[in-house]
Amino acid sequence: MLAGDNKQQLVSKIDGVILQAISNSQDIAQVFNLAEHYGKFHWLNTTDRWACPELERHIFQMVEPFIGELIVPSERTRTLHVLSEGYDTGGHTPLCVNILKEQKRRNEDVAIAITRQATRKVIDDLSNHSIPIVRPAHTGLEKLKSLCQIFLTSKHVVLHIHPDDIMSALAAMIAERNGIQCHFVNHADLHFSYGPSICSSVLEITWASWLTSQKYRHPKSQSFLGIPSSTFDLEELKKTEDNSIPSFPYFISVGGVQKYQLQQSNEFIDFVEYLCGTKNQKLVLIGLSDRKPFENLTDRAQKNLALLGIQDRTQTLKLMAASQAYIDSFPEGGGTSVINAMKMGLPVFGAKSKVGMYGDDYVSENTGDLKDAIDLFLESGISQTILQERATFVNEHFSIAACTDRLERTIAGESVDIPYQFDTNSIDLTYYQKRWLEHDKIYIPPFIKINQK
């Protein structure tokens, strides 16, 4: 079985092979391609490689002589947000887009650069709010030149990039050398990413992201951004007469396939059997549509489990608002839906590693403790005082406006502290790296051939 030390040795070999190939290559297009694969390899596999500033510097030194003359306008007013890819699901895209819209509402000069692609819905949303969209031209070196020029026409740059987006990292290096400060939004709080050590500041989303940056990424400075809640009227969400909203009590969980890790672990499936089978409770899952991983559940559990697949954001909020409690995805959890659940005043349950997110006290250390917490909730409910305290705190500190305020204070040169205390000793910074070594699943770049003997 490919796990533990054997898996770690394979990671080290592949890491070395890609780095050597980059070092040996004089073809810039090939180097960009290899660097993206290198980033994706460490990102998707949650390896113990968090950053590689020496690789960023090597590629920069290779391409800098070919970039040519760039124009830096003397008058620059806009704040440029940079997004690698824009999606209709997940929390990363709305974090970027909603902060942009809030800055636009404040009459600030803003724009967004999309380095790869975005869905039509994302493009339309930005256009409807009169937010300029710029795209780098061409491919390869010409794309990098174009991206650099886009950065250099901005007063400030905020990166919301994919971990493997080496071109944005290189453009940030050019911008920083020309006196334009870049700020890195640390979505890569659990894994590798290009970019953090290049930027003037790293904008953190949890205590864990703050600590991992300090330990593994060599940040110039850090500031707290947080994960903003969605903007909604809870009473309006509850008023819906939509027949797609169940009328019976149900638990709800929201997350992509990668968060439940159903191919690597039976933890979540076993919990579903307990909740839907043993306890005879209804569970609605948003984001999952494939019933195959759940095919061995008992008949009662199968009957009580609803897989609704991907829903749009408004429908997701309506379904959450009508539920009796929220189950955070595990073994990987957290994110916008947890913040939204707290804002709604929902009880929240989960069983994952603590990441120092606000309200992480809901997290059980294991599924056994989670089952006990569910039992207690079903028997005697939960303190409404606690739920109201969470909702009030989220409204005050994690609204779009509050997160935008922290961003603008950071751009102005302030290092914003995390607005809540947390026992950092309870955070295992390498929890996900250790979990990944326990199973035999691994993403291998397509050009790497593995000897099966």
Protein backbone atom coordinates (compact mmCIF):
# COMPACT_ATOMS: atom_id res chain seq x y z
CA MET A 1 0.00 0.00 0.00
CA LEU A 2 1.25 3.46 -0.94
CA ALA A 3 1.04 5.25 2.41
CA GLY A 4 3.21 6.60 5.20
CA ASP A 5 6.95 6.61 4.51
CA ASN A 6 6.53 5.03 1.06
CA LYS A 7 4.19 7.80 0.01
CA GLN A 8 6.47 10.46 1.45
CA GLN A 9 9.44 9.02 -0.46
CA LEU A 10 7.45 9.11 -3.71
CA VAL A 11 6.51 12.74 -3.06
CA SER A 12 10.17 13.63 -2.53
CA LYS A 13 11.17 11.88 -5.77
CA ILE A 14 8.48 13.61 -7.85
CA ASP A 15 9.32 16.95 -6.24
CA GLY A 16 12.97 16.48 -7.19
CA VAL A 17 12.19 15.35 -10.74
CA ILE A 18 10.04 18.43 -11.48
CA LEU A 19 12.52 20.84 -9.89
CA GLN A 20 15.37 19.30 -11.88
CA ALA A 21 13.36 19.53 -15.10
CA ILE A 22 12.70 23.22 -14.43
CA SER A 23 16.37 23.82 -13.64
CA ASN A 24 17.47 22.10 -16.86
CA SER A 25 14.99 23.81 -19.17
CA GLN A 26 15.71 26.94 -21.20
CA ASP A 27 12.21 26.94 -22.70
CA ILE A 28 10.15 29.58 -20.85
CA ALA A 29 6.78 28.15 -21.89
CA GLN A 30 7.86 24.72 -20.67
CA VAL A 31 9.07 26.18 -17.37
CA PHE A 32 5.71 27.89 -16.80
CA ASN A 33 3.92 24.61 -17.49
CA LEU A 34 6.20 22.61 -15.20
CA ALA A 35 5.88 25.20 -12.43
CA GLU A 36 2.08 25.05 -12.59
CA HIS A 37 2.22 21.26 -12.35
CA TYR A 38 4.62 21.53 -9.43
CA GLY A 39 2.22 23.81 -7.59
CA LYS A 40 -0.77 21.62 -8.38
CA PHE A 41 1.10 18.49 -7.25
CA HIS A 42 1.79 19.86 -3.77
CA TRP A 43 -1.58 21.62 -3.50
CA LEU A 44 -3.85 18.73 -4.47
CA ASN A 45 -1.83 16.23 -2.45
CA THR A 46 -1.64 18.35 0.74
CA THR A 47 2.06 17.54 1.07
CA ASP A 48 4.37 19.06 3.67
CA ARG A 49 5.69 21.53 1.08
CA TRP A 50 3.97 24.84 1.93
CA ALA A 51 5.96 27.20 -0.28
CA CYS A 52 8.95 27.34 -2.60
CA PRO A 53 10.31 30.91 -2.76
CA GLU A 54 13.59 29.68 -4.23
CA LEU A 55 11.68 28.32 -7.25
CA GLU A 56 9.82 31.61 -7.62
CA ARG A 57 13.15 33.47 -7.61
CA HIS A 58 14.73 31.03 -10.10
CA ILE A 59 11.92 31.46 -12.61
CA PHE A 60 11.87 35.23 -12.10
CA GLN A 61 15.60 35.50 -12.80
CA MET A 62 15.10 33.38 -15.91
CA VAL A 63 12.24 35.44 -17.39
CA GLU A 64 13.11 38.97 -16.22
CA PRO A 65 15.56 39.71 -19.09
CA PHE A 66 12.81 38.85 -21.61
CA ILE A 67 10.01 40.92 -20.09
CA GLY A 68 11.31 44.15 -21.60
CA GLU A 69 10.36 47.70 -20.72
CA LEU A 70 7.21 48.18 -18.72
CA ILE A 71 5.38 51.46 -18.17
CA VAL A 72 4.55 52.56 -14.62
CA PRO A 73 2.05 55.45 -14.77
CA SER A 74 2.72 58.25 -12.29
CA GLU A 75 -0.99 58.57 -11.47
CA ARG A 76 -2.53 55.34 -10.26
CA THR A 77 -5.76 55.18 -8.26
CA ARG A 78 -7.31 51.75 -8.63
CA THR A 79 -7.19 48.73 -6.38
CA LEU A 80 -6.81 45.65 -8.55
CA HIS A 81 -8.14 42.30 -7.35
CA VAL A 82 -6.67 39.26 -9.09
CA LEU A 83 -8.65 36.03 -9.45
CA SER A 84 -7.28 32.94 -11.18
CA GLU A 85 -10.67 31.31 -11.77
CA GLY A 86 -14.21 32.32 -10.83
CA TYR A 87 -16.79 29.70 -9.85
CA ASP A 88 -20.51 29.56 -9.03
CA THR A 89 -19.79 27.31 -6.04
CA GLY A 90 -17.51 27.51 -3.02
CA GLY A 91 -16.55 30.48 -0.91
CA HIS A 92 -13.40 31.83 -2.60
CA THR A 93 -15.06 33.58 -5.54
CA PRO A 94 -17.76 35.37 -3.51
CA LEU A 95 -15.14 36.57 -1.02
CA CYS A 96 -13.36 38.35 -3.85
CA VAL A 97 -16.46 39.52 -5.72
CA ASN A 98 -18.38 40.72 -2.67
CA ILE A 99 -15.45 42.76 -1.35
CA LEU A 100 -15.10 44.29 -4.82
CA LYS A 101 -18.79 45.20 -4.84
CA GLU A 102 -18.51 46.72 -1.35
CA GLN A 103 -15.53 48.82 -2.42
CA LYS A 104 -17.44 49.89 -5.53
CA ARG A 105 -20.40 50.86 -3.32
CA ARG A 106 -17.97 53.08 -1.40
CA ASN A 107 -17.10 54.80 -4.70
CA GLU A 108 -13.59 53.41 -4.76
CA ASP A 109 -11.70 52.85 -8.01
CA VAL A 110 -11.55 49.05 -8.37
CA ALA A 111 -11.06 46.47 -11.10
CA ILE A 112 -10.55 42.73 -11.36
CA ALA A 113 -8.03 40.77 -13.42
CA ILE A 114 -9.04 37.19 -14.24
CA THR A 115 -5.92 35.27 -15.18
CA ARG A 116 -7.58 32.08 -16.44
CA GLN A 117 -11.37 31.80 -16.62
CA ALA A 118 -14.65 32.53 -14.88
CA THR A 119 -18.22 31.37 -15.32
CA ARG A 120 -20.76 33.47 -17.18
CA LYS A 121 -22.65 34.07 -13.93
CA VAL A 122 -19.54 35.53 -12.27
CA ILE A 123 -18.80 37.75 -15.28
CA ASP A 124 -22.40 38.99 -15.41
CA ASP A 125 -22.41 39.74 -11.69
CA LEU A 126 -19.27 41.85 -12.00
CA SER A 127 -20.55 43.62 -15.12
CA ASN A 128 -23.92 44.38 -13.53
CA HIS A 129 -22.06 46.22 -10.76
CA SER A 130 -19.94 48.17 -13.28
CA ILE A 131 -16.70 46.55 -12.12
CA PRO A 132 -14.09 46.63 -14.92
CA ILE A 133 -12.78 43.21 -15.93
CA VAL A 134 -9.31 42.94 -17.44
CA ARG A 135 -7.69 39.84 -18.86
CA PRO A 136 -4.03 39.28 -19.73
CA ALA A 137 -3.48 38.78 -23.44
CA HIS A 138 -1.80 35.87 -25.21
CA THR A 139 -0.07 32.92 -23.52
CA GLY A 140 3.34 32.13 -22.08
CA LEU A 141 5.81 34.99 -21.83
CA GLU A 142 3.49 37.42 -23.63
CA LYS A 143 0.76 36.67 -21.10
CA LEU A 144 3.18 37.40 -18.26
CA LYS A 145 4.17 40.72 -19.86
CA SER A 146 0.50 41.64 -20.21
CA LEU A 147 -0.24 40.66 -16.62
CA CYS A 148 2.74 42.68 -15.35
CA GLN A 149 1.50 45.76 -17.20
CA ILE A 150 -1.97 45.29 -15.70
CA PHE A 151 -0.46 45.13 -12.20
CA LEU A 152 1.71 48.21 -12.83
CA THR A 153 -1.27 50.40 -13.73
CA SER A 154 -2.72 49.80 -10.25
CA LYS A 155 -2.12 51.53 -6.94
CA HIS A 156 -2.62 48.34 -4.93
CA VAL A 157 -3.00 44.66 -5.88
CA VAL A 158 -4.98 42.04 -3.93
CA LEU A 159 -4.31 38.42 -4.92
CA HIS A 160 -7.07 35.80 -4.63
CA ILE A 161 -5.14 33.30 -6.73
CA HIS A 162 -5.01 29.54 -7.16
CA PRO A 163 -2.02 27.93 -5.42
CA ASP A 164 -0.46 26.98 -8.78
CA ASP A 165 -0.80 30.42 -10.41
CA ILE A 166 2.90 31.07 -10.90
CA MET A 167 2.32 33.88 -13.41
CA SER A 168 0.40 35.99 -10.90
CA ALA A 169 3.16 35.41 -8.36
CA LEU A 170 5.80 36.57 -10.86
CA ALA A 171 3.74 39.62 -11.80
CA ALA A 172 3.43 40.44 -8.09
CA MET A 173 7.22 40.26 -7.83
CA ILE A 174 7.53 42.81 -10.66
CA ALA A 175 4.90 45.05 -9.05
CA GLU A 176 6.57 44.94 -5.64
CA ARG A 177 9.93 45.86 -7.20
CA ASN A 178 8.24 48.90 -8.73
CA GLY A 179 6.82 50.06 -5.42
CA ILE A 180 3.30 48.69 -5.86
CA GLN A 181 2.25 46.76 -2.79
CA CYS A 182 0.55 43.40 -3.28
CA HIS A 183 -1.58 41.70 -0.63
CA PHE A 184 -2.08 37.92 -0.65
CA VAL A 185 -5.46 36.54 0.50
CA ASN A 186 -4.45 33.24 2.09
CA HIS A 187 -7.04 30.75 0.87
CA ALA A 188 -4.20 28.20 0.92
CA ASP A 189 -4.39 27.89 4.69
CA LEU A 190 -3.98 24.09 4.57
CA HIS A 191 -1.50 23.57 1.74
CA PHE A 192 1.09 24.85 -0.74
CA SER A 193 0.78 28.08 -2.67
CA TYR A 194 2.89 30.41 -4.74
CA GLY A 195 2.93 34.05 -3.72
CA PRO A 196 2.74 34.69 0.04
CA SER A 197 6.38 35.58 0.69
CA ILE A 198 6.48 37.85 -2.37
CA CYS A 199 3.72 40.17 -1.17
CA SER A 200 3.81 43.09 1.24
CA SER A 201 1.24 41.37 3.44
CA VAL A 202 -0.56 38.07 3.83
CA LEU A 203 -4.26 38.45 4.61
CA GLU A 204 -5.22 35.60 6.92
CA ILE A 205 -8.61 33.92 7.35
CA THR A 206 -8.13 31.89 10.57
CA TRP A 207 -5.67 31.44 13.44
CA ALA A 208 -4.30 28.34 11.67
CA SER A 209 -3.60 30.27 8.48
CA TRP A 210 -1.81 32.93 10.54
CA LEU A 211 0.35 30.35 12.30
CA THR A 212 1.19 28.32 9.19
CA SER A 213 2.23 31.49 7.36
CA GLN A 214 4.51 32.41 10.25
CA LYS A 215 6.05 28.95 10.37
CA TYR A 216 6.29 27.97 6.70
CA ARG A 217 5.86 30.97 4.37
CA HIS A 218 8.23 33.78 5.51
CA PRO A 219 5.65 36.60 5.26
CA LYS A 220 6.81 40.23 5.21
CA SER A 221 3.78 41.10 7.34
CA GLN A 222 0.40 39.62 8.28
CA SER A 223 -3.06 41.04 8.81
CA PHE A 224 -6.44 39.50 9.51
CA LEU A 225 -9.13 39.50 6.82
CA GLY A 226 -11.45 36.68 7.91
CA ILE A 227 -14.12 34.79 5.99
CA PRO A 228 -17.05 37.13 5.27
CA SER A 229 -20.62 35.97 5.68
CA SER A 230 -23.07 36.30 2.83
CA THR A 231 -25.46 39.24 2.81
CA PHE A 232 -29.02 38.09 3.41
CA ASP A 233 -32.24 38.81 5.28
CA LEU A 234 -32.95 35.73 7.38
CA GLU A 235 -36.66 36.43 7.69
CA GLU A 236 -36.99 36.81 3.93
CA LEU A 237 -35.17 33.51 3.40
CA LYS A 238 -37.58 31.79 5.77
CA LYS A 239 -40.65 33.27 4.04
CA THR A 240 -40.10 31.26 0.90
CA GLU A 241 -43.02 29.19 -0.36
CA ASP A 242 -40.75 27.21 -2.66
CA ASN A 243 -41.86 23.57 -2.81
CA SER A 244 -38.20 22.53 -3.06
CA ILE A 245 -37.73 23.41 0.62
CA PRO A 246 -38.57 20.40 2.82
CA SER A 247 -41.35 20.94 5.35
CA PHE A 248 -39.99 18.35 7.81
CA PRO A 249 -37.10 18.91 10.30
CA TYR A 250 -33.71 18.16 8.80
CA PHE A 251 -29.99 18.62 9.30
CA ILE A 252 -27.99 20.14 6.45
CA SER A 253 -24.38 20.06 5.27
CA VAL A 254 -22.75 21.98 2.41
CA GLY A 255 -19.45 21.14 0.73
CA GLY A 256 -17.63 19.88 -2.32
CA VAL A 257 -16.55 16.28 -2.79
CA GLN A 258 -13.01 17.04 -1.64
CA LYS A 259 -14.20 18.17 1.79
CA TYR A 260 -15.87 14.86 2.68
CA GLN A 261 -13.07 12.72 1.21
CA LEU A 262 -15.43 9.79 0.70
CA GLN A 263 -12.87 7.87 -1.36
CA GLN A 264 -10.23 8.06 1.36
CA SER A 265 -12.25 7.59 4.54
CA ASN A 266 -15.53 6.12 5.80
CA GLU A 267 -15.78 8.61 8.68
CA PHE A 268 -18.49 10.77 7.17
CA ILE A 269 -20.38 7.79 5.72
CA ASP A 270 -20.40 6.09 9.13
CA PHE A 271 -21.71 9.29 10.69
CA VAL A 272 -24.50 9.46 8.10
CA GLU A 273 -25.50 5.91 9.05
CA TYR A 274 -25.66 6.97 12.69
CA LEU A 275 -27.60 10.18 12.06
CA CYS A 276 -29.98 8.92 9.37
CA GLY A 277 -30.14 5.25 10.37
CA THR A 278 -29.68 4.89 14.13
CA LYS A 279 -31.20 8.27 15.04
CA ASN A 280 -33.73 8.31 12.16
CA GLN A 281 -32.95 11.94 11.28
CA LYS A 282 -33.20 13.60 7.87
CA LEU A 283 -29.99 14.93 6.32
CA VAL A 284 -29.74 17.17 3.25
CA LEU A 285 -26.34 17.30 1.52
CA ILE A 286 -25.64 20.15 -0.90
CA GLY A 287 -22.69 19.70 -3.24
CA LEU A 288 -22.83 15.90 -3.42
CA SER A 289 -24.96 14.05 -5.98
CA ASP A 290 -23.32 10.62 -6.35
CA ARG A 291 -25.07 8.04 -4.16
CA LYS A 292 -22.51 5.32 -4.84
CA PRO A 293 -20.34 6.07 -1.77
CA PHE A 294 -23.50 5.72 0.34
CA GLU A 295 -24.78 2.50 -1.27
CA ASN A 296 -24.01 0.36 1.79
CA LEU A 297 -26.14 2.43 4.14
CA THR A 298 -29.15 0.72 5.68
CA ASP A 299 -32.52 1.24 4.01
CA ARG A 300 -33.64 3.68 6.69
CA ALA A 301 -30.46 5.74 6.35
CA GLN A 302 -30.82 5.75 2.56
CA LYS A 303 -34.39 6.96 2.86
CA ASN A 304 -33.44 9.79 5.22
CA LEU A 305 -30.50 11.03 3.10
CA ALA A 306 -31.12 13.60 0.35
CA LEU A 307 -28.29 14.45 -2.06
CA LEU A 308 -29.20 17.69 -3.81
CA GLY A 309 -25.97 18.23 -5.73
CA ILE A 310 -24.84 21.74 -6.61
CA GLN A 311 -27.38 24.45 -5.82
CA ASP A 312 -27.13 28.16 -6.52
CA ARG A 313 -26.13 30.36 -3.61
CA THR A 314 -29.62 31.73 -2.90
CA GLN A 315 -31.21 28.28 -2.85
CA THR A 316 -28.42 27.03 -0.58
CA LEU A 317 -29.13 29.85 1.88
CA LYS A 318 -32.88 29.10 1.79
CA LEU A 319 -32.26 25.43 2.52
CA MET A 320 -29.91 26.31 5.36
CA ALA A 321 -32.35 28.80 6.87
CA ALA A 322 -35.11 26.18 6.97
CA SER A 323 -32.95 23.50 8.63
CA GLN A 324 -32.76 22.62 12.31
CA ALA A 325 -28.95 22.41 12.48
CA TYR A 326 -25.80 22.58 10.35
CA ILE A 327 -23.27 19.75 10.03
CA ASP A 328 -19.87 21.07 8.98
CA SER A 329 -18.22 18.92 6.33
CA PHE A 330 -15.44 16.71 7.61
CA PRO A 331 -12.65 15.69 7.70
CA GLU A 332 -12.12 19.07 5.94
CA GLY A 333 -14.53 21.75 7.04
CA GLY A 334 -14.89 25.42 7.77
CA GLY A 335 -15.53 28.13 5.22
CA THR A 336 -18.35 30.45 4.24
CA SER A 337 -21.24 28.08 4.97
CA VAL A 338 -20.19 27.68 8.61
CA ILE A 339 -20.05 31.46 9.02
CA ASN A 340 -23.48 31.74 7.35
CA ALA A 341 -24.91 29.04 9.62
CA MET A 342 -23.70 30.95 12.69
CA LYS A 343 -25.14 34.18 11.32
CA MET A 344 -28.49 32.40 10.96
CA GLY A 345 -28.32 31.29 14.58
CA LEU A 346 -28.19 27.61 13.64
CA PRO A 347 -26.63 25.00 15.92
CA VAL A 348 -23.38 23.87 14.24
CA PHE A 349 -21.72 20.46 14.63
CA GLY A 350 -18.59 18.91 13.16
CA ALA A 351 -15.64 16.57 13.70
CA LYS A 352 -12.43 17.96 12.23
CA SER A 353 -9.15 19.46 13.24
CA LYS A 354 -9.52 22.88 14.84
CA VAL A 355 -8.21 25.66 12.61
CA GLY A 356 -8.82 28.58 14.93
CA MET A 357 -11.88 29.77 13.05
CA TYR A 358 -14.38 31.81 15.04
CA GLY A 359 -16.80 29.47 16.80
CA ASP A 360 -14.49 26.46 16.52
CA ASP A 361 -15.77 25.41 19.93
CA TYR A 362 -18.51 23.54 18.05
CA VAL A 363 -15.92 21.08 16.71
CA SER A 364 -15.82 17.62 18.26
CA GLU A 365 -12.45 15.89 18.48
CA ASN A 366 -13.77 12.73 16.82
CA THR A 367 -16.96 11.25 15.42
CA GLY A 368 -17.71 9.53 18.73
CA ASP A 369 -17.85 12.90 20.47
CA LEU A 370 -19.85 14.28 17.54
CA LYS A 371 -22.47 11.57 17.98
CA ASP A 372 -22.67 12.41 21.68
CA ALA A 373 -23.16 16.09 20.81
CA ILE A 374 -25.96 15.18 18.38
CA ASP A 375 -27.61 12.98 21.02
CA LEU A 376 -27.53 15.82 23.55
CA PHE A 377 -28.96 18.25 21.00
CA LEU A 378 -31.83 15.91 20.10
CA GLU A 379 -32.60 15.31 23.76
CA SER A 380 -32.39 18.83 25.17
CA GLY A 381 -31.67 21.34 22.41
CA ILE A 382 -28.93 23.95 22.66
CA SER A 383 -28.46 27.23 24.49
CA GLN A 384 -30.13 30.02 22.55
CA THR A 385 -27.82 32.47 24.32
CA ILE A 386 -24.78 30.85 22.71
CA LEU A 387 -26.41 30.85 19.28
CA GLN A 388 -27.38 34.51 19.60
CA GLU A 389 -23.87 35.46 20.76
CA ARG A 390 -22.39 33.77 17.69
CA ALA A 391 -24.87 35.45 15.34
CA THR A 392 -24.19 38.86 16.85
CA PHE A 393 -20.41 38.40 16.65
CA VAL A 394 -20.55 37.26 13.02
CA ASN A 395 -22.78 40.21 12.09
CA GLU A 396 -20.36 42.62 13.73
CA HIS A 397 -17.00 41.16 12.71
CA PHE A 398 -17.58 39.02 9.59
CA SER A 399 -19.93 41.06 7.45
CA ILE A 400 -18.70 42.05 3.99
CA ALA A 401 -18.34 45.61 5.28
CA ALA A 402 -16.23 44.53 8.29
CA CYS A 403 -13.92 42.39 6.14
CA THR A 404 -13.59 45.20 3.60
CA ASP A 405 -12.70 47.59 6.42
CA ARG A 406 -9.89 45.24 7.50
CA LEU A 407 -8.63 44.97 3.92
CA GLU A 408 -8.51 48.74 3.56
CA ARG A 409 -6.78 49.18 6.91
CA THR A 410 -4.17 46.64 5.74
CA ILE A 411 -3.68 48.47 2.44
CA ALA A 412 -3.18 51.66 4.48
CA GLY A 413 -0.30 49.96 6.31
CA GLU A 414 -1.92 48.55 9.43
CA SER A 415 -1.52 45.00 10.72
CA VAL A 416 -5.03 44.07 11.87
CA ASP A 417 -5.27 41.65 14.78
CA ILE A 418 -7.64 38.68 14.90
CA PRO A 419 -10.75 39.95 16.76
CA TYR A 420 -11.22 36.85 18.94
CA GLN A 421 -9.06 34.72 21.20
CA PHE A 422 -8.28 31.07 20.58
CA ASP A 423 -6.23 28.35 22.26
CA THR A 424 -3.58 27.98 19.58
CA ASN A 425 -2.16 24.93 21.36
CA SER A 426 -5.27 23.04 20.24
CA ILE A 427 -4.40 23.57 16.56
CA ASP A 428 -2.45 20.82 14.79
CA LEU A 429 -0.85 22.67 11.88
CA THR A 430 0.09 19.45 10.04
CA TYR A 431 -3.17 17.56 10.67
CA TYR A 432 -4.15 17.39 6.99
CA GLN A 433 -0.64 16.50 5.85
CA LYS A 434 -0.60 13.55 8.27
CA ARG A 435 -4.09 12.43 7.21
CA TRP A 436 -3.06 12.51 3.56
CA LEU A 437 -0.19 10.11 4.27
CA GLU A 438 -2.62 7.58 5.79
CA HIS A 439 -4.31 6.59 2.50
CA ASP A 440 -3.02 5.54 -0.92
CA LYS A 441 -4.63 8.24 -3.07
CA ILE A 442 -2.20 10.57 -4.84
CA TYR A 443 -2.36 13.04 -7.72
CA ILE A 444 0.57 12.50 -10.09
CA PRO A 445 1.29 14.99 -12.91
CA PRO A 446 0.49 13.44 -16.32
CA PHE A 447 4.09 13.62 -17.55
CA ILE A 448 5.42 11.63 -14.58
CA LYS A 449 5.67 7.89 -15.21
CA ILE A 450 5.68 5.62 -12.17
CA ASN A 451 7.35 2.21 -12.25
CA GLN A 452 4.67 -0.16 -10.94
CA LYS A 453 7.09 -2.97 -10.11
